Amino acid sequence: MSTEKKVGLFFLSALIALGVMIELVEDWHPFETHHPYTTFFEAAVGIQAGDPVRMSGVEVGKIKTIKIEDQKVRIDFLVQDGTVLKEDSIAEIRQTNLLGGQFLGLTFGSEGSEPLPPGGVVPSREGANIDQLITRFDRNQERVFGALGELIEETRGPLSATVTRVEKVVSKIDEGEGTLGRLVNDPALYDDLQLAVADLKMLLQRIENGEGTLGRLVQDPTLYDDASRTVANLRAISDRVNRGEGTVGRLFAEEALYDNANDALAHIRDISDKANRGEGTLGKLVNDASLYDDTSATMRRLHSITAKIDDGKGTIGRLVNEDDIYRDAKTTLNKVEKAVDGISDTGPLSALGVVLGTLF
């Protein structure tokens, strides 16, 4: 055998030996210490020996064996030295991704729990595998779509009628019928809107330029100054009132007003009590019914007298309604005036004679 053949045969044997060693001693870690633990599940779908063991997403070991024991699935696994498992740590079969990769997940456990010694049994929690999820999804899908189909069947008639009505309404709008149809189809709306926008723009421009009352209110800073002065004056007035200055301040600050008001109310209450008891003139006026009767009788007599006067009865009635006395008095006054005018010419006796002759 030539040297080349010997070298090739040796190289091939080395490759075969390396492959066998990789396959057989894959989990052999001569420089690492691992601790064994066990957990039990009702079912372990998809997980197998060699899958990783992870704690909060960090790989801390591998599954060693999976077998059936006492109608449960026993999983023996190894964890690296330094990985602390507590007595209340939980083991759970979890999925790496939606493609089916799985691993054995471990929780830290509570802080007050004791560490679980190597070889101990870790409590487990059953998780939903992909078959259960698909079954539940199919069941829920049938339930949801079945209810949805029944709902569609029940509402098909009303829904069809509603669609028909909507089509009629849209057709009327498209044809320009009704208010909405005219708004959609009448171009005058657009023109009016353009005019309104132009007017609004002009109004805003005038306000911005300070024109008109509103423009002056917006642009003129004196409004703010006047308001500031008014607020300052109100603050000064309130301060004076709080200090008891002025009439209003004395009304708020002095207690004499309150005492006087209480005394006045007490006197008023005393007077009202006396009036209610019928004491004094006011009490008699309030409680004595004869006053009302006398007043009513007096009013009736006055009404009778005024009626007679209005009818011209009696002396006062004749004075009010007849004008003969007025004419006689006027004639007498004219004669007296003529007699007085002649006194200066005839002397006292003549004047007296004239007066007497005139009267008699």
Protein backbone atom coordinates (compact mmCIF):
# COMPACT_ATOMS: atom_id res chain seq x y z
CA MET A 1 0.00 0.00 0.00
CA SER A 2 1.39 3.34 -1.00
CA THR A 3 1.89 6.23 1.41
CA GLU A 4 -0.85 8.30 -0.21
CA LYS A 5 -3.37 5.48 0.35
CA LYS A 6 -2.29 5.11 3.96
CA VAL A 7 -2.69 8.87 4.59
CA GLY A 8 -6.14 8.91 2.90
CA LEU A 9 -7.31 5.86 4.86
CA PHE A 10 -6.10 7.45 8.11
CA PHE A 11 -7.86 10.74 7.31
CA LEU A 12 -11.12 8.94 6.50
CA SER A 13 -10.93 6.89 9.71
CA ALA A 14 -10.31 10.09 11.70
CA LEU A 15 -13.42 11.73 10.18
CA ILE A 16 -15.58 8.69 10.99
CA ALA A 17 -14.25 8.58 14.56
CA LEU A 18 -14.90 12.33 14.98
CA GLY A 19 -18.51 11.96 13.79
CA VAL A 20 -19.09 9.04 16.16
CA MET A 21 -17.63 11.02 19.06
CA ILE A 22 -19.80 14.09 18.25
CA GLU A 23 -22.93 11.93 18.09
CA LEU A 24 -22.20 9.92 21.23
CA VAL A 25 -20.68 12.55 23.51
CA GLU A 26 -22.75 15.60 22.47
CA ASP A 27 -23.78 16.24 26.06
CA TRP A 28 -20.44 15.42 27.55
CA HIS A 29 -18.97 18.42 29.30
CA PRO A 30 -15.90 17.30 31.18
CA PHE A 31 -15.23 20.75 32.70
CA GLU A 32 -18.83 21.55 33.81
CA THR A 33 -20.79 20.30 36.83
CA HIS A 34 -24.50 19.56 36.38
CA HIS A 35 -27.15 18.68 38.94
CA PRO A 36 -30.06 16.33 38.15
CA TYR A 37 -33.71 17.16 38.80
CA THR A 38 -37.03 15.53 37.92
CA THR A 39 -40.50 16.79 37.08
CA PHE A 40 -43.77 15.13 36.04
CA PHE A 41 -46.44 16.13 33.47
CA GLU A 42 -49.78 14.77 32.40
CA ALA A 43 -48.68 15.17 28.77
CA ALA A 44 -45.46 16.25 27.06
CA VAL A 45 -46.33 16.83 23.42
CA GLY A 46 -43.48 17.92 21.17
CA ILE A 47 -40.71 17.99 23.74
CA GLN A 48 -37.89 15.47 23.58
CA ALA A 49 -34.56 14.56 25.12
CA GLY A 50 -31.84 17.07 24.37
CA ASP A 51 -34.18 20.08 24.36
CA PRO A 52 -32.92 23.01 26.40
CA VAL A 53 -33.90 23.88 29.95
CA ARG A 54 -34.30 27.63 30.43
CA MET A 55 -34.88 29.89 33.40
CA SER A 56 -36.43 33.24 32.44
CA GLY A 57 -35.24 32.73 28.87
CA VAL A 58 -31.62 31.86 29.81
CA GLU A 59 -30.47 28.34 28.97
CA VAL A 60 -29.28 26.58 32.15
CA GLY A 61 -29.33 22.92 31.14
CA LYS A 62 -30.77 20.17 28.94
CA ILE A 63 -33.38 17.44 29.15
CA LYS A 64 -31.75 14.08 29.79
CA THR A 65 -34.54 11.52 29.47
CA ILE A 66 -38.29 11.38 28.95
CA LYS A 67 -40.28 8.31 29.96
CA ILE A 68 -43.63 7.11 31.29
CA GLU A 69 -43.89 6.46 35.02
CA ASP A 70 -47.11 5.83 37.01
CA GLN A 71 -49.33 7.10 34.17
CA LYS A 72 -47.40 10.34 34.03
CA VAL A 73 -44.58 11.65 31.88
CA ARG A 74 -41.33 11.80 33.81
CA ILE A 75 -38.72 14.26 32.59
CA ASP A 76 -35.20 14.07 33.99
CA PHE A 77 -33.06 17.11 33.27
CA LEU A 78 -29.73 18.58 34.23
CA VAL A 79 -28.97 22.14 35.25
CA GLN A 80 -25.63 23.87 35.47
CA ASP A 81 -23.85 24.35 38.74
CA GLY A 82 -24.86 27.71 40.28
CA THR A 83 -28.46 27.48 39.10
CA VAL A 84 -30.62 27.73 42.24
CA LEU A 85 -34.00 26.02 42.17
CA LYS A 86 -36.45 26.76 45.01
CA GLU A 87 -39.02 24.43 46.49
CA ASP A 88 -41.78 26.51 44.88
CA SER A 89 -40.07 26.79 41.48
CA ILE A 90 -42.40 25.73 38.66
CA ALA A 91 -41.52 23.67 35.57
CA GLU A 92 -43.59 24.25 32.43
CA ILE A 93 -43.33 23.10 28.83
CA ARG A 94 -43.21 26.24 26.71
CA GLN A 95 -42.83 27.04 23.03
CA THR A 96 -39.85 28.81 21.57
CA ASN A 97 -41.83 30.13 18.59
CA LEU A 98 -44.94 29.40 16.56
CA LEU A 99 -43.05 26.90 14.39
CA GLY A 100 -43.10 24.26 17.11
CA GLY A 101 -39.80 24.58 18.99
CA GLN A 102 -40.24 23.78 22.69
CA PHE A 103 -38.22 23.88 25.87
CA LEU A 104 -38.60 23.20 29.57
CA GLY A 105 -39.08 26.51 31.37
CA LEU A 106 -38.27 27.05 35.07
CA THR A 107 -39.30 29.90 37.39
CA PHE A 108 -37.10 31.43 40.11
CA GLY A 109 -39.50 30.82 42.97
CA SER A 110 -40.12 33.15 45.89
CA GLU A 111 -37.32 34.76 47.85
CA GLY A 112 -38.33 33.19 51.17
CA SER A 113 -38.49 29.64 49.80
CA GLU A 114 -35.81 27.07 50.61
CA PRO A 115 -33.43 25.83 47.86
CA LEU A 116 -34.36 22.48 46.30
CA PRO A 117 -31.50 19.98 46.66
CA PRO A 118 -30.17 18.13 43.57
CA GLY A 119 -32.24 15.09 42.68
CA GLY A 120 -35.45 16.73 43.92
CA VAL A 121 -38.79 16.87 42.11
CA VAL A 122 -39.76 20.25 40.68
CA PRO A 123 -43.52 21.00 40.72
CA SER A 124 -45.00 21.34 37.25
CA ARG A 125 -47.75 23.33 35.61
CA GLU A 126 -49.59 22.01 32.62
CA GLY A 127 -49.54 24.29 29.61
CA ALA A 128 -51.63 24.29 26.48
CA ASN A 129 -49.87 22.56 23.59
CA ILE A 130 -50.41 23.29 19.93
CA ASP A 131 -52.97 20.50 19.52
CA GLN A 132 -55.08 21.83 22.36
CA LEU A 133 -54.81 25.35 21.01
CA ILE A 134 -55.91 24.21 17.54
CA THR A 135 -58.79 22.23 19.04
CA ARG A 136 -59.93 25.18 21.12
CA PHE A 137 -59.56 27.50 18.16
CA ASP A 138 -61.66 25.21 15.99
CA ARG A 139 -64.29 24.94 18.71
CA ASN A 140 -64.40 28.70 19.26
CA GLN A 141 -64.38 29.31 15.52
CA GLU A 142 -67.39 27.06 15.06
CA ARG A 143 -69.17 28.76 17.93
CA VAL A 144 -68.44 32.29 16.72
CA PHE A 145 -69.11 31.71 13.05
CA GLY A 146 -72.20 29.66 13.86
CA ALA A 147 -73.64 32.50 15.93
CA LEU A 148 -72.59 34.96 13.23
CA GLY A 149 -74.33 32.88 10.56
CA GLU A 150 -77.51 32.71 12.63
CA LEU A 151 -77.36 36.47 13.16
CA ILE A 152 -76.94 37.06 9.43
CA GLU A 153 -79.87 34.77 8.67
CA GLU A 154 -82.07 36.58 11.20
CA THR A 155 -81.14 40.04 9.95
CA ARG A 156 -81.09 39.26 6.24
CA GLY A 157 -84.64 40.54 5.67
CA PRO A 158 -84.34 43.79 7.63
CA LEU A 159 -80.84 44.33 6.24
CA SER A 160 -82.06 43.91 2.70
CA ALA A 161 -84.93 46.35 3.35
CA THR A 162 -82.50 48.84 4.87
CA VAL A 163 -80.18 48.58 1.86
CA THR A 164 -83.16 49.15 -0.44
CA ARG A 165 -84.17 52.27 1.48
CA VAL A 166 -80.60 53.57 1.41
CA GLU A 167 -80.48 53.04 -2.35
CA LYS A 168 -83.74 55.00 -2.74
CA VAL A 169 -82.43 57.83 -0.57
CA VAL A 170 -79.14 57.97 -2.52
CA SER A 171 -81.08 57.92 -5.79
CA LYS A 172 -83.26 60.85 -4.66
CA ILE A 173 -80.20 62.78 -3.53
CA ASP A 174 -78.50 62.10 -6.86
CA GLU A 175 -81.61 63.33 -8.69
CA GLY A 176 -81.70 66.53 -6.63
CA GLU A 177 -84.89 65.77 -4.71
CA GLY A 178 -85.40 67.08 -1.20
CA THR A 179 -83.29 69.48 0.81
CA LEU A 180 -80.19 67.29 0.83
CA GLY A 181 -80.50 66.63 -2.89
CA ARG A 182 -80.68 70.35 -3.62
CA LEU A 183 -77.68 70.98 -1.38
CA VAL A 184 -75.68 68.36 -3.27
CA ASN A 185 -76.75 69.27 -6.81
CA ASP A 186 -77.56 72.99 -6.69
CA PRO A 187 -74.46 75.06 -7.59
CA ALA A 188 -76.02 78.10 -5.95
CA LEU A 189 -74.98 76.67 -2.59
CA TYR A 190 -71.34 76.84 -3.63
CA ASP A 191 -71.80 80.42 -4.85
CA ASP A 192 -73.52 81.45 -1.62
CA LEU A 193 -70.78 79.77 0.36
CA GLN A 194 -68.15 81.64 -1.63
CA LEU A 195 -69.95 84.92 -0.99
CA ALA A 196 -70.27 84.12 2.72
CA VAL A 197 -66.57 83.30 2.93
CA ALA A 198 -65.72 86.54 1.11
CA ASP A 199 -67.94 88.56 3.47
CA LEU A 200 -66.41 86.83 6.47
CA LYS A 201 -62.93 87.54 5.17
CA MET A 202 -63.84 91.20 4.66
CA LEU A 203 -65.30 91.37 8.18
CA LEU A 204 -62.19 89.83 9.69
CA GLN A 205 -60.04 92.25 7.71
CA ARG A 206 -62.02 95.22 9.07
CA ILE A 207 -61.69 93.87 12.60
CA GLU A 208 -57.97 93.41 12.08
CA ASN A 209 -57.72 97.00 10.82
CA GLY A 210 -59.50 98.24 13.96
CA GLU A 211 -62.62 99.44 12.14
CA GLY A 212 -65.98 99.46 13.88
CA THR A 213 -66.82 98.78 17.52
CA LEU A 214 -65.58 95.18 17.47
CA GLY A 215 -62.38 96.20 15.70
CA ARG A 216 -61.69 98.87 18.29
CA LEU A 217 -62.36 96.39 21.09
CA VAL A 218 -59.85 93.99 19.55
CA GLN A 219 -57.17 96.46 18.51
CA ASP A 220 -57.48 99.37 20.97
CA PRO A 221 -55.35 98.71 24.09
CA THR A 222 -57.30 101.31 26.11
CA LEU A 223 -59.97 98.67 26.81
CA TYR A 224 -57.39 96.57 28.64
CA ASP A 225 -56.07 99.64 30.44
CA ASP A 226 -59.57 100.70 31.49
CA ALA A 227 -60.35 97.18 32.68
CA SER A 228 -57.09 97.11 34.64
CA ARG A 229 -57.88 100.46 36.26
CA THR A 230 -61.39 99.31 37.07
CA VAL A 231 -60.07 96.14 38.71
CA ALA A 232 -57.54 98.23 40.65
CA ASN A 233 -60.30 100.59 41.82
CA LEU A 234 -62.48 97.65 42.86
CA ARG A 235 -59.53 96.18 44.77
CA ALA A 236 -58.94 99.52 46.52
CA ILE A 237 -62.62 99.81 47.41
CA SER A 238 -62.66 96.24 48.78
CA ASP A 239 -59.53 97.01 50.84
CA ARG A 240 -61.21 100.12 52.30
CA VAL A 241 -64.33 98.12 53.06
CA ASN A 242 -62.23 95.46 54.79
CA ARG A 243 -60.51 98.17 56.85
CA GLY A 244 -63.89 99.58 57.86
CA GLU A 245 -63.47 102.92 56.07
CA GLY A 246 -66.46 104.80 54.67
CA THR A 247 -70.15 104.09 55.11
CA VAL A 248 -70.08 100.64 53.53
CA GLY A 249 -66.96 99.75 55.50
CA ARG A 250 -68.60 100.79 58.76
CA LEU A 251 -71.65 98.72 57.83
CA PHE A 252 -69.40 95.66 57.42
CA ALA A 253 -66.96 96.32 60.26
CA GLU A 254 -68.95 97.86 63.11
CA GLU A 255 -71.02 95.60 65.29
CA ALA A 256 -73.25 98.47 66.39
CA LEU A 257 -75.24 98.14 63.18
CA TYR A 258 -75.94 94.51 63.99
CA ASP A 259 -76.95 95.44 67.56
CA ASN A 260 -79.19 98.29 66.35
CA ALA A 261 -80.77 96.01 63.76
CA ASN A 262 -81.45 93.41 66.47
CA ASP A 263 -82.99 96.10 68.73
CA ALA A 264 -85.12 97.39 65.85
CA LEU A 265 -86.29 93.90 65.03
CA ALA A 266 -87.08 93.30 68.69
CA HIS A 267 -89.17 96.50 68.83
CA ILE A 268 -90.93 95.59 65.59
CA ARG A 269 -91.63 92.12 66.98
CA ASP A 270 -93.00 93.68 70.18
CA ILE A 271 -95.24 96.03 68.21
CA SER A 272 -96.51 93.18 66.00
CA ASP A 273 -97.23 91.07 69.10
CA LYS A 274 -99.23 93.93 70.64
CA ALA A 275 -101.08 94.46 67.38
CA ASN A 276 -101.89 90.76 67.21
CA ARG A 277 -103.20 90.90 70.78
CA GLY A 278 -105.39 93.91 69.89
CA GLU A 279 -103.57 96.36 72.17
CA GLY A 280 -103.36 100.04 71.27
CA THR A 281 -104.84 101.91 68.32
CA LEU A 282 -103.03 99.78 65.70
CA GLY A 283 -104.14 96.61 67.47
CA LYS A 284 -107.75 97.74 67.40
CA LEU A 285 -107.44 98.73 63.75
CA VAL A 286 -106.06 95.26 62.95
CA ASN A 287 -108.34 93.13 65.12
CA ASP A 288 -111.58 95.15 65.60
CA ALA A 289 -114.05 94.33 62.84
CA SER A 290 -116.26 97.33 63.68
CA LEU A 291 -113.70 99.65 62.04
CA TYR A 292 -114.26 97.91 58.73
CA ASP A 293 -118.05 98.19 59.19
CA ASP A 294 -117.85 101.90 60.08
CA THR A 295 -115.54 102.57 57.15
CA SER A 296 -117.87 100.73 54.79
CA ALA A 297 -120.89 102.70 56.10
CA THR A 298 -118.97 106.00 55.75
CA MET A 299 -117.98 105.14 52.19
CA ARG A 300 -121.57 104.31 51.35
CA ARG A 301 -122.73 107.69 52.75
CA LEU A 302 -120.00 109.54 50.81
CA HIS A 303 -121.03 107.68 47.67
CA SER A 304 -124.69 108.72 48.27
CA ILE A 305 -123.71 112.37 48.86
CA THR A 306 -121.50 112.56 45.77
CA ALA A 307 -124.29 110.94 43.72
CA LYS A 308 -126.75 113.63 44.90
CA ILE A 309 -124.23 116.39 44.14
CA ASP A 310 -123.65 114.92 40.70
CA ASP A 311 -127.43 114.82 40.15
CA GLY A 312 -127.73 118.53 41.14
CA LYS A 313 -129.66 117.93 44.34
CA GLY A 314 -129.31 120.27 47.32
CA THR A 315 -127.42 123.55 47.61
CA ILE A 316 -124.00 122.10 46.83
CA GLY A 317 -125.47 120.17 43.89
CA ARG A 318 -127.01 123.33 42.47
CA LEU A 319 -123.72 125.24 43.01
CA VAL A 320 -121.83 122.51 41.15
CA ASN A 321 -124.25 121.90 38.30
CA GLU A 322 -126.10 125.26 37.73
CA ASP A 323 -124.39 128.40 36.29
CA ASP A 324 -127.07 130.99 37.29
CA ILE A 325 -125.23 131.92 40.46
CA TYR A 326 -122.05 132.36 38.42
CA ARG A 327 -123.82 134.74 36.01
CA ASP A 328 -125.47 136.71 38.87
CA ALA A 329 -122.14 137.04 40.68
CA LYS A 330 -120.42 138.21 37.50
CA THR A 331 -123.15 140.85 36.86
CA THR A 332 -122.87 142.11 40.45
CA LEU A 333 -119.11 142.39 40.17
CA ASN A 334 -119.48 144.42 36.94
CA LYS A 335 -121.85 146.85 38.65
CA VAL A 336 -119.53 147.19 41.64
CA GLU A 337 -116.63 147.90 39.29
CA LYS A 338 -118.65 150.71 37.56
CA ALA A 339 -119.58 152.17 40.92
CA VAL A 340 -115.99 152.19 42.08
CA ASP A 341 -114.95 153.97 38.88
CA GLY A 342 -117.50 156.79 39.61
CA ILE A 343 -116.36 157.38 43.19
CA SER A 344 -113.55 159.68 42.11
CA ASP A 345 -116.12 162.05 40.38
CA THR A 346 -119.13 162.16 42.70
CA GLY A 347 -117.48 161.92 46.05
CA PRO A 348 -118.13 159.58 48.83
CA LEU A 349 -121.83 160.30 49.25
CA SER A 350 -122.59 160.13 45.60
CA ALA A 351 -120.70 156.91 45.33
CA LEU A 352 -122.60 155.51 48.26
CA GLY A 353 -125.87 156.65 46.72
CA VAL A 354 -124.99 155.09 43.43
CA VAL A 355 -124.03 151.84 45.08
CA LEU A 356 -127.20 151.73 47.08
CA GLY A 357 -129.26 152.63 44.05
CA THR A 358 -127.58 149.99 42.03
CA LEU A 359 -128.10 147.31 44.60
CA PHE A 360 -131.67 148.22 45.52
